[in-house]
Every structure is written in C-alpha cells, then in structure tokens.
Amino acid sequence: MRALTYSTLIGLLAATGLRPGEALRLDRSDVNLVSGILSIRESKFGKSRFVPVAESTRAALEQYAQKRDQLCPLRLSEAFLVSEHGKRLKAGTARSIFVRMSRAIGLRIGYRGWAR
C-alpha cells in the first residue's frame, strides 16, 4: 500500500503542480474520477479552486482508488490518499519518506541528518 500511495502522490504532484499539502488534504469527494476534476478546498490564503487533470492522470487516480479499496476495504478515513493503515497521510511522514526515497536514488545527499 505504501509504494502504491507514494507513487500516486508523487505522480499527482508532478502532473498537476499541486502543493504537497493540497494533495494530502484531498478527500474522496474532492476527486471526480469521471470528469477528472480535483476540488482543492481552502488552500493558500483560504482560496479554493478546481484543477482539471489529463486523461492519463485521471486513469492513474482511478487505478489507485480501485487498488486502495481492494487493499483497505474498511474505510477508516475520507482521505483519497491513505497510509497502509487506511488513514490520511501525515505531512511530516510524507516529507520523511520523500527524503529517504530521494536519497536512495541519489537525488539528495544527507549530511549529519540534514538533506541538502
């Protein structure tokens, strides 16, 4: 579940330009898998907006939702992107995972606990 969720999160960020916090705050009701429209609620400066996504992104989000619902049949959260425990991803955890992944592929080099 973790690999599925984080690959979807990173792909969503790359495909849409959403801020990480916006993606993490998406609820299931914010992601229209038929029309491919994301509802971003009360983001920076309290503004809301609709973000259309490309067909390939819509299809990837639909595939994620299907696999998520198979792997986590009990809905413990209204979050669209969930942890392996079926709950909303925490921003700090997502940031930590991203740092670890980017170090593992050589994108970042850690020095005394700091990423640079």
C-alpha atoms as a PDB file:
ATOM      1  CA  MET A   1       0.000   0.000   0.000  1.00  0.00           C
ATOM      2  CA  ARG A   2       2.817   2.403   0.853  1.00  0.00           C
ATOM      3  CA  ALA A   3       4.509   2.102  -2.545  1.00  0.00           C
ATOM      4  CA  LEU A   4       1.173   2.478  -4.334  1.00  0.00           C
ATOM      5  CA  THR A   5       0.214   5.581  -2.370  1.00  0.00           C
ATOM      6  CA  TYR A   6       3.562   7.349  -2.622  1.00  0.00           C
ATOM      7  CA  SER A   7       3.997   6.665  -6.334  1.00  0.00           C
ATOM      8  CA  THR A   8       0.493   8.067  -6.860  1.00  0.00           C
ATOM      9  CA  LEU A   9       1.240  11.095  -4.680  1.00  0.00           C
ATOM     10  CA  ILE A  10       4.481  11.916  -6.496  1.00  0.00           C
ATOM     11  CA  GLY A  11       2.862  11.378  -9.890  1.00  0.00           C
ATOM     12  CA  LEU A  12      -0.057  13.610  -8.912  1.00  0.00           C
ATOM     13  CA  LEU A  13       2.271  16.380  -7.753  1.00  0.00           C
ATOM     14  CA  ALA A  14       4.310  16.162 -10.966  1.00  0.00           C
ATOM     15  CA  ALA A  15       1.269  16.042 -13.251  1.00  0.00           C
ATOM     16  CA  THR A  16      -0.733  18.832 -11.630  1.00  0.00           C
ATOM     17  CA  GLY A  17       1.618  21.200  -9.828  1.00  0.00           C
ATOM     18  CA  LEU A  18      -0.404  20.845  -6.635  1.00  0.00           C
ATOM     19  CA  ARG A  19       1.283  21.763  -3.389  1.00  0.00           C
ATOM     20  CA  PRO A  20       2.023  18.662  -1.272  1.00  0.00           C
ATOM     21  CA  GLY A  21      -0.392  19.797   1.441  1.00  0.00           C
ATOM     22  CA  GLU A  22      -3.161  20.221  -1.122  1.00  0.00           C
ATOM     23  CA  ALA A  23      -2.702  16.668  -2.369  1.00  0.00           C
ATOM     24  CA  LEU A  24      -2.600  15.271   1.170  1.00  0.00           C
ATOM     25  CA  ARG A  25      -5.820  17.105   2.097  1.00  0.00           C
ATOM     26  CA  LEU A  26      -7.792  15.644  -0.834  1.00  0.00           C
ATOM     27  CA  ASP A  27     -10.842  13.717   0.288  1.00  0.00           C
ATOM     28  CA  ARG A  28     -12.508  11.053  -1.828  1.00  0.00           C
ATOM     29  CA  SER A  29     -15.289  13.526  -2.635  1.00  0.00           C
ATOM     30  CA  ASP A  30     -12.706  16.027  -3.946  1.00  0.00           C
ATOM     31  CA  VAL A  31     -11.524  13.673  -6.701  1.00  0.00           C
ATOM     32  CA  ASN A  32     -14.035  13.286  -9.512  1.00  0.00           C
ATOM     33  CA  LEU A  33     -12.843  10.165 -11.309  1.00  0.00           C
ATOM     34  CA  VAL A  34     -15.436  10.550 -14.069  1.00  0.00           C
ATOM     35  CA  SER A  35     -14.694  14.119 -15.157  1.00  0.00           C
ATOM     36  CA  GLY A  36     -11.084  14.276 -13.994  1.00  0.00           C
ATOM     37  CA  ILE A  37     -11.574  17.374 -11.851  1.00  0.00           C
ATOM     38  CA  LEU A  38      -9.934  17.872  -8.447  1.00  0.00           C
ATOM     39  CA  SER A  39     -11.589  20.189  -5.923  1.00  0.00           C
ATOM     40  CA  ILE A  40      -8.919  21.990  -3.937  1.00  0.00           C
ATOM     41  CA  ARG A  41     -10.552  23.457  -0.851  1.00  0.00           C
ATOM     42  CA  GLU A  42      -9.280  26.350   1.218  1.00  0.00           C
ATOM     43  CA  SER A  43      -5.694  26.208   0.103  1.00  0.00           C
ATOM     44  CA  LYS A  44      -3.144  29.003   0.317  1.00  0.00           C
ATOM     45  CA  PHE A  45      -4.760  32.242   1.512  1.00  0.00           C
ATOM     46  CA  GLY A  46      -8.014  30.306   2.080  1.00  0.00           C
ATOM     47  CA  LYS A  47      -8.807  30.081  -1.635  1.00  0.00           C
ATOM     48  CA  SER A  48     -10.473  27.146  -3.350  1.00  0.00           C
ATOM     49  CA  ARG A  49     -10.222  26.083  -6.974  1.00  0.00           C
ATOM     50  CA  PHE A  50     -10.902  23.290  -9.441  1.00  0.00           C
ATOM     51  CA  VAL A  51      -7.966  21.563 -11.129  1.00  0.00           C
ATOM     52  CA  PRO A  52      -8.620  19.561 -14.302  1.00  0.00           C
ATOM     53  CA  VAL A  53      -6.269  16.644 -14.867  1.00  0.00           C
ATOM     54  CA  ALA A  54      -5.141  14.949 -18.048  1.00  0.00           C
ATOM     55  CA  GLU A  55      -6.799  11.684 -19.045  1.00  0.00           C
ATOM     56  CA  SER A  56      -3.678   9.704 -18.132  1.00  0.00           C
ATOM     57  CA  THR A  57      -3.703  11.260 -14.645  1.00  0.00           C
ATOM     58  CA  ARG A  58      -7.419  10.582 -14.247  1.00  0.00           C
ATOM     59  CA  ALA A  59      -6.855   6.946 -15.237  1.00  0.00           C
ATOM     60  CA  ALA A  60      -3.935   6.622 -12.779  1.00  0.00           C
ATOM     61  CA  LEU A  61      -6.059   8.080  -9.959  1.00  0.00           C
ATOM     62  CA  GLU A  62      -8.889   5.699 -10.821  1.00  0.00           C
ATOM     63  CA  GLN A  63      -6.484   2.740 -10.777  1.00  0.00           C
ATOM     64  CA  TYR A  64      -5.121   3.881  -7.404  1.00  0.00           C
ATOM     65  CA  ALA A  65      -8.641   4.197  -5.967  1.00  0.00           C
ATOM     66  CA  GLN A  66      -9.557   0.690  -7.100  1.00  0.00           C
ATOM     67  CA  LYS A  67      -6.400  -0.872  -5.649  1.00  0.00           C
ATOM     68  CA  ARG A  68      -6.705   1.198  -2.449  1.00  0.00           C
ATOM     69  CA  ASP A  69     -10.247  -0.048  -1.923  1.00  0.00           C
ATOM     70  CA  GLN A  70      -9.145  -3.660  -2.505  1.00  0.00           C
ATOM     71  CA  LEU A  71      -6.221  -3.411  -0.088  1.00  0.00           C
ATOM     72  CA  CYS A  72      -8.100  -1.343   2.518  1.00  0.00           C
ATOM     73  CA  PRO A  73     -11.732  -2.467   2.274  1.00  0.00           C
ATOM     74  CA  LEU A  74     -12.665  -0.812   5.589  1.00  0.00           C
ATOM     75  CA  ARG A  75     -12.885   2.941   5.097  1.00  0.00           C
ATOM     76  CA  LEU A  76     -11.142   4.476   8.098  1.00  0.00           C
ATOM     77  CA  SER A  77     -10.796   7.921   6.544  1.00  0.00           C
ATOM     78  CA  GLU A  78     -12.379  10.091   3.878  1.00  0.00           C
ATOM     79  CA  ALA A  79      -8.868  10.843   2.591  1.00  0.00           C
ATOM     80  CA  PHE A  80      -8.174   9.986  -1.043  1.00  0.00           C
ATOM     81  CA  LEU A  81      -4.515   9.104  -0.409  1.00  0.00           C
ATOM     82  CA  VAL A  82      -4.134   6.805   2.568  1.00  0.00           C
ATOM     83  CA  SER A  83      -1.406   5.103   4.566  1.00  0.00           C
ATOM     84  CA  GLU A  84      -1.017   1.353   4.887  1.00  0.00           C
ATOM     85  CA  HIS A  85      -3.301   1.674   7.917  1.00  0.00           C
ATOM     86  CA  GLY A  86      -6.068   3.233   5.819  1.00  0.00           C
ATOM     87  CA  LYS A  87      -5.727   6.693   7.353  1.00  0.00           C
ATOM     88  CA  ARG A  88      -4.810  10.076   5.889  1.00  0.00           C
ATOM     89  CA  LEU A  89      -1.097  10.556   5.243  1.00  0.00           C
ATOM     90  CA  LYS A  90       0.611  12.924   7.658  1.00  0.00           C
ATOM     91  CA  ALA A  91       2.635  15.715   6.080  1.00  0.00           C
ATOM     92  CA  GLY A  92       5.717  15.036   8.214  1.00  0.00           C
ATOM     93  CA  THR A  93       5.687  11.349   7.372  1.00  0.00           C
ATOM     94  CA  ALA A  94       5.255  12.057   3.658  1.00  0.00           C
ATOM     95  CA  ARG A  95       8.148  14.534   3.756  1.00  0.00           C
ATOM     96  CA  SER A  96      10.360  11.991   5.558  1.00  0.00           C
ATOM     97  CA  ILE A  97       9.529   9.234   3.056  1.00  0.00           C
ATOM     98  CA  PHE A  98      10.275  11.597   0.158  1.00  0.00           C
ATOM     99  CA  VAL A  99      13.667  12.498   1.650  1.00  0.00           C
ATOM    100  CA  ARG A 100      14.513   8.806   2.105  1.00  0.00           C
ATOM    101  CA  MET A 101      13.440   7.973  -1.457  1.00  0.00           C
ATOM    102  CA  SER A 102      15.349  10.890  -2.965  1.00  0.00           C
ATOM    103  CA  ARG A 103      18.490   9.874  -1.046  1.00  0.00           C
ATOM    104  CA  ALA A 104      18.102   6.244  -2.156  1.00  0.00           C
ATOM    105  CA  ILE A 105      18.117   7.267  -5.825  1.00  0.00           C
ATOM    106  CA  GLY A 106      20.952   9.784  -5.397  1.00  0.00           C
ATOM    107  CA  LEU A 107      18.815  12.909  -5.737  1.00  0.00           C
ATOM    108  CA  ARG A 108      19.848  14.139  -2.267  1.00  0.00           C
ATOM    109  CA  ILE A 109      22.904  13.530  -0.174  1.00  0.00           C
ATOM    110  CA  GLY A 110      22.422  13.582   3.586  1.00  0.00           C
ATOM    111  CA  TYR A 111      24.972  15.247   5.857  1.00  0.00           C
ATOM    112  CA  ARG A 112      24.637  14.916   9.637  1.00  0.00           C
ATOM    113  CA  GLY A 113      20.885  14.442   9.454  1.00  0.00           C
ATOM    114  CA  TRP A 114      20.238  17.326   7.076  1.00  0.00           C
ATOM    115  CA  ALA A 115      19.166  16.962   3.462  1.00  0.00           C
ATOM    116  CA  ARG A 116      20.806  19.286   1.002  1.00  0.00           C
END
